[in-house]
Protein backbone atom coordinates (compact mmCIF):
# COMPACT_ATOMS: atom_id res chain seq x y z
CA UNK A 1 4.12 15.48 5.54
CA UNK A 2 3.33 14.16 1.97
CA UNK A 3 1.31 11.16 1.89
CA UNK A 4 2.90 8.44 -0.31
CA UNK A 5 0.42 7.08 -2.96
CA UNK A 6 1.12 3.28 -3.61
CA UNK A 7 -0.57 1.50 -6.51
CA UNK A 8 -0.74 -2.28 -5.64
CA UNK A 9 -0.65 -4.68 -8.51
CA UNK A 10 -0.85 -7.38 -6.10
CA UNK A 11 -1.65 -10.74 -7.89
CA UNK A 12 -3.55 -8.97 -10.70
CA UNK A 13 -1.04 -9.59 -13.19
CA UNK A 14 -2.47 -13.23 -13.15
CA UNK A 15 1.20 -14.61 -13.46
CA UNK A 16 1.47 -13.26 -16.93
CA UNK A 17 5.01 -11.68 -17.46
CA UNK A 18 3.70 -9.39 -20.25
CA UNK A 19 0.74 -8.26 -18.21
CA UNK A 20 2.93 -7.26 -15.42
CA UNK A 21 4.87 -5.23 -17.61
CA UNK A 22 1.93 -3.56 -18.98
CA UNK A 23 0.77 -2.59 -15.46
CA UNK A 24 4.02 -0.87 -14.69
CA UNK A 25 4.21 0.88 -17.94
CA UNK A 26 0.61 2.21 -17.49
CA UNK A 27 1.12 3.22 -13.96
CA UNK A 28 4.66 4.76 -14.46
CA UNK A 29 3.01 7.33 -16.51
CA UNK A 30 0.43 8.41 -13.77
CA UNK A 31 0.71 10.71 -10.73
CA UNK A 32 1.49 7.86 -8.09
CA UNK A 33 4.62 7.62 -6.08
CA UNK A 34 5.13 3.87 -5.97
CA UNK A 35 4.12 0.57 -7.35
CA UNK A 36 4.17 -2.82 -5.63
CA UNK A 37 3.71 -6.37 -6.40
CA UNK A 38 2.89 -9.40 -4.26
CA UNK A 39 4.80 -12.64 -3.73
CA UNK A 40 2.98 -15.38 -1.67
CA UNK A 41 4.35 -18.28 0.33
CA UNK A 42 5.06 -21.57 -1.74
CA UNK A 43 2.03 -23.25 -0.30
CA UNK A 44 -0.22 -20.73 -1.75
CA UNK A 45 0.86 -21.48 -5.51
CA UNK A 46 0.44 -25.37 -4.68
CA UNK A 47 -3.15 -24.74 -4.72
CA UNK A 48 -4.54 -25.73 -8.22
CA UNK A 49 -6.66 -22.63 -8.57
CA UNK A 50 -3.88 -20.44 -7.49
CA UNK A 51 -0.80 -21.99 -9.37
CA UNK A 52 -1.23 -19.73 -12.24
CA UNK A 53 -0.53 -16.58 -10.39
CA UNK A 54 3.24 -17.28 -9.91
CA UNK A 55 5.33 -14.61 -11.21
CA UNK A 56 9.10 -15.56 -11.99
CA UNK A 57 11.90 -13.75 -10.26
CA UNK A 58 13.00 -12.64 -13.72
CA UNK A 59 9.75 -10.99 -14.34
CA UNK A 60 9.60 -9.20 -10.94
CA UNK A 61 13.22 -7.96 -11.84
CA UNK A 62 12.14 -6.41 -14.98
CA UNK A 63 9.28 -4.68 -13.57
CA UNK A 64 11.47 -3.21 -10.73
CA UNK A 65 13.58 -1.65 -13.62
CA UNK A 66 10.48 -0.25 -15.27
CA UNK A 67 9.45 1.35 -11.99
CA UNK A 68 12.66 3.00 -11.35
CA UNK A 69 12.80 4.21 -15.09
CA UNK A 70 9.77 6.03 -14.46
CA UNK A 71 10.94 7.49 -11.14
CA UNK A 72 8.56 5.42 -8.97
CA UNK A 73 9.35 3.79 -5.84
CA UNK A 74 9.08 -0.18 -6.04
CA UNK A 75 7.81 -2.29 -3.37
CA UNK A 76 7.16 -6.09 -2.75
CA UNK A 77 4.37 -7.60 -0.36
CA UNK A 78 6.54 -10.53 0.45
CA UNK A 79 5.46 -13.77 2.22
CA UNK A 80 8.11 -16.11 1.16
CA UNK A 81 11.20 -15.87 3.42
CA UNK A 82 13.23 -17.96 0.76
CA UNK A 83 12.89 -15.18 -1.79
CA UNK A 84 14.01 -12.22 0.55
CA UNK A 85 17.67 -12.41 -0.45
CA UNK A 86 16.99 -12.58 -4.43
CA UNK A 87 14.44 -9.75 -4.16
CA UNK A 88 16.46 -7.61 -1.73
CA UNK A 89 19.27 -7.55 -4.60
CA UNK A 90 16.72 -5.83 -6.86
CA UNK A 91 16.93 -2.82 -4.22
CA UNK A 92 13.34 -2.38 -3.50
CA UNK A 93 12.30 0.69 -1.72
CA UNK A 94 9.97 -1.00 0.64
CA UNK A 95 8.45 -4.31 1.70
CA UNK A 96 4.84 -5.11 2.90
CA UNK A 97 4.01 -7.86 5.47
CA UNK A 98 0.65 -9.13 4.57
CA UNK A 99 -2.31 -10.89 6.41
CA UNK A 100 -1.16 -12.20 9.92
CA UNK A 101 2.42 -12.49 8.80
CA UNK A 102 3.51 -10.04 11.64
CA UNK A 103 3.53 -13.32 13.72
CA UNK A 104 6.04 -14.98 11.40
CA UNK A 105 8.91 -13.85 13.34
CA UNK A 106 11.78 -15.33 11.00
CA UNK A 107 10.25 -13.32 7.97
CA UNK A 108 9.76 -10.07 9.92
CA UNK A 109 13.17 -10.05 11.30
CA UNK A 110 14.69 -10.92 7.80
CA UNK A 111 12.67 -8.02 6.16
CA UNK A 112 13.60 -5.50 8.94
CA UNK A 113 17.25 -6.23 8.72
CA UNK A 114 17.34 -5.22 4.96
CA UNK A 115 17.08 -1.65 6.35
CA UNK A 116 14.30 -0.99 3.83
CA UNK A 117 10.76 0.49 4.84
CA UNK A 118 8.57 -2.37 6.00
CA UNK A 119 4.78 -1.65 5.98
CA UNK A 120 3.14 -4.08 8.49
CA UNK A 121 -0.45 -5.01 7.89
CA UNK A 122 -2.52 -4.83 11.29
CA UNK A 123 -5.73 -6.08 9.68
CA UNK A 124 -6.13 -9.25 11.81
CA UNK A 125 -4.40 -7.84 14.92
CA UNK A 126 -5.59 -6.23 18.24
CA UNK A 127 -4.04 -3.41 19.97
CA UNK A 128 -2.27 -5.59 22.44
CA UNK A 129 -0.73 -7.71 19.76
CA UNK A 130 0.38 -4.69 17.84
CA UNK A 131 2.02 -3.26 21.00
CA UNK A 132 3.72 -6.56 21.65
CA UNK A 133 4.94 -6.67 18.13
CA UNK A 134 6.53 -3.25 18.44
CA UNK A 135 8.08 -3.97 21.79
CA UNK A 136 9.62 -7.06 20.15
CA UNK A 137 11.28 -4.95 17.35
CA UNK A 138 11.94 -1.78 19.14
CA UNK A 139 15.43 -1.43 17.87
CA UNK A 140 14.16 -1.10 14.30
CA UNK A 141 13.16 2.51 12.95
CA UNK A 142 11.97 1.15 9.73
CA UNK A 143 8.46 -0.07 10.63
CA UNK A 144 5.30 1.53 9.15
CA UNK A 145 2.01 0.13 10.59
CA UNK A 146 -0.77 -0.48 7.90
CA UNK A 147 -4.32 0.12 9.18
CA UNK A 148 -6.64 -1.83 6.79
CA UNK A 149 -9.86 -3.92 6.98
CA UNK A 150 -10.62 -7.49 5.56
CA UNK A 151 -14.17 -6.18 4.50
CA UNK A 152 -15.66 -4.54 1.47
CA UNK A 153 -18.07 -2.67 3.76
CA UNK A 154 -17.77 1.09 4.46
CA UNK A 155 -19.00 0.68 8.02
CA UNK A 156 -16.03 -1.58 8.78
CA UNK A 157 -13.21 0.86 7.51
CA UNK A 158 -12.70 2.57 11.27
CA UNK A 159 -10.63 5.30 9.73
CA UNK A 160 -10.14 6.92 13.30
CA UNK A 161 -7.69 3.92 14.01
CA UNK A 162 -5.12 5.72 11.81
CA UNK A 163 -4.63 8.32 14.16
CA UNK A 164 -5.19 6.09 17.26
CA UNK A 165 -2.48 3.81 16.24
CA UNK A 166 -0.10 6.53 15.42
CA UNK A 167 -0.63 8.33 18.88
CA UNK A 168 -0.66 5.19 20.78
CA UNK A 169 2.47 3.74 19.25
CA UNK A 170 4.61 6.82 17.89
CA UNK A 171 5.12 5.27 14.63
CA UNK A 172 4.06 6.03 11.11
CA UNK A 173 0.71 4.65 10.20
CA UNK A 174 -0.34 4.06 6.49
CA UNK A 175 -3.81 3.10 5.23
CA UNK A 176 -4.74 0.25 2.82
CA UNK A 177 -8.26 -0.37 1.79
CA UNK A 178 -10.34 -3.38 0.72
CA UNK A 179 -13.49 -1.28 0.62
CA UNK A 180 -15.46 -1.34 -2.55
CA UNK A 181 -16.08 2.44 -2.19
CA UNK A 182 -12.73 4.24 -3.42
CA UNK A 183 -14.06 7.57 -1.90
CA UNK A 184 -12.80 5.91 1.59
CA UNK A 185 -9.36 6.95 0.29
CA UNK A 186 -10.19 10.54 0.08
CA UNK A 187 -11.58 10.46 3.61
CA UNK A 188 -8.65 8.74 4.94
CA UNK A 189 -6.65 11.90 4.07
CA UNK A 190 -8.07 13.71 7.05
CA UNK A 191 -6.32 11.36 9.32
CA UNK A 192 -2.80 11.96 7.76
CA UNK A 193 -1.62 8.56 6.72
CA UNK A 194 2.01 8.26 5.87
CA UNK A 195 1.10 6.17 2.74
CA UNK A 196 -2.31 5.38 1.00
CA UNK A 197 -2.18 1.86 -0.62
CA UNK A 198 -4.79 0.84 -3.29
CA UNK A 199 -5.19 -2.17 -5.59
CA UNK A 200 -5.32 -1.70 -9.20
CA UNK A 201 -6.59 -3.75 -12.09
CA UNK A 202 -6.12 -3.54 -15.80
CA UNK A 203 -9.89 -3.63 -16.77
CA UNK A 204 -13.23 -4.78 -15.77
CA UNK A 205 -12.35 -8.46 -16.03
CA UNK A 206 -11.89 -10.86 -13.10
CA UNK A 207 -9.01 -10.59 -10.95
CA UNK A 208 -7.74 -11.98 -7.58
CA UNK A 209 -8.23 -8.54 -5.99
CA UNK A 210 -11.18 -7.30 -7.97
CA UNK A 211 -14.05 -5.88 -6.10
CA UNK A 212 -11.80 -3.35 -4.25
CA UNK A 213 -9.37 -2.68 -7.13
CA UNK A 214 -9.42 0.42 -9.04
CA UNK A 215 -9.13 0.18 -12.87
CA UNK A 216 -6.01 1.75 -14.40
CA UNK A 217 -8.12 4.31 -16.59
CA UNK A 218 -9.45 5.71 -13.12
CA UNK A 219 -6.21 5.99 -11.37
CA UNK A 220 -4.88 9.31 -12.50
CA UNK A 221 -8.23 11.22 -11.60
CA UNK A 222 -8.08 9.51 -8.24
CA UNK A 223 -4.55 10.58 -7.51
CA UNK A 224 -5.08 14.09 -8.67
CA UNK A 225 -8.20 14.39 -6.41
CA UNK A 226 -6.15 13.15 -3.53
CA UNK A 227 -3.39 15.44 -4.08
CA UNK A 228 -5.63 18.37 -4.44
CA UNK A 229 -7.72 17.52 -1.16
CA UNK A 230 -4.73 16.98 0.76
CA UNK A 231 -4.33 20.79 0.62
CA UNK A 232 -7.42 21.08 2.65
CA UNK A 233 -6.09 19.48 5.75
CA UNK A 234 -3.96 22.48 6.76
CA UNK A 235 -1.95 22.93 10.07
CA UNK A 236 -4.82 22.68 12.58
CA UNK A 237 -4.61 25.87 14.41
CA UNK A 238 -7.36 28.45 13.47
CA UNK A 239 -5.79 31.45 11.71
CA UNK A 240 -7.17 34.59 10.07
CA UNK A 241 -7.26 34.66 6.47
CA UNK A 242 -8.06 37.27 4.03
CA UNK A 243 -11.62 37.28 2.46
CA UNK A 244 -11.28 35.63 -0.89
CA UNK A 245 -14.86 35.48 -1.77
CA UNK A 246 -15.81 38.57 -3.81
CA UNK A 247 -18.74 40.64 -2.66
CA UNK A 248 -22.03 39.53 -4.26
CA UNK A 249 -23.48 41.97 -6.61
CA UNK A 250 -27.25 42.90 -6.12
């Protein structure tokens, strides 16, 4: 199964319509599968230090067109239930439920009813809460759990949880990182996540998702590495192969 590579612009567009378009134009030319953007709840934008991060529905519609023009999937990490209908008319390929919004029953149900893939963050959840969530929505087959960690530290990544969540719950499990070391994404391949999500930023400036975001100029090399290294996973069974190492000449 091919792991889908998702570049998350998040709020790193800084609420600037032109900058958002620049992200999508730049990412559209790279070897990723999908581009996502984040829309927070209304209360978030009411905070003075966050109000400038609001992106208009018109701008979101425009970048959705750009993604599709480049043949990329388009996704929205959506926390505002009042925008579900408007954004669903843009025909996104997937949604993402962020933070602890898996407890927001009204939002979760409305997103699941769209029939689109819904990636559900489990960063703040226990095994028991995840199982209860899946029991509650057992009639839906469009749920993908997302293992992530709300920490920049390597030791908090707990990559084994990707396979553990998949085996315990029999659903696809993706991986999203907040780790400041991007090599974690390469290690995650060994646990065969359905999707790998990583934040991107335009340059080395200050952004809402900054410390764990990858600069656009480094994304292509990362994606090519991920594609190449994924070939090393194999099928799991030990098989005999021909010796492909030439004899050493003395």
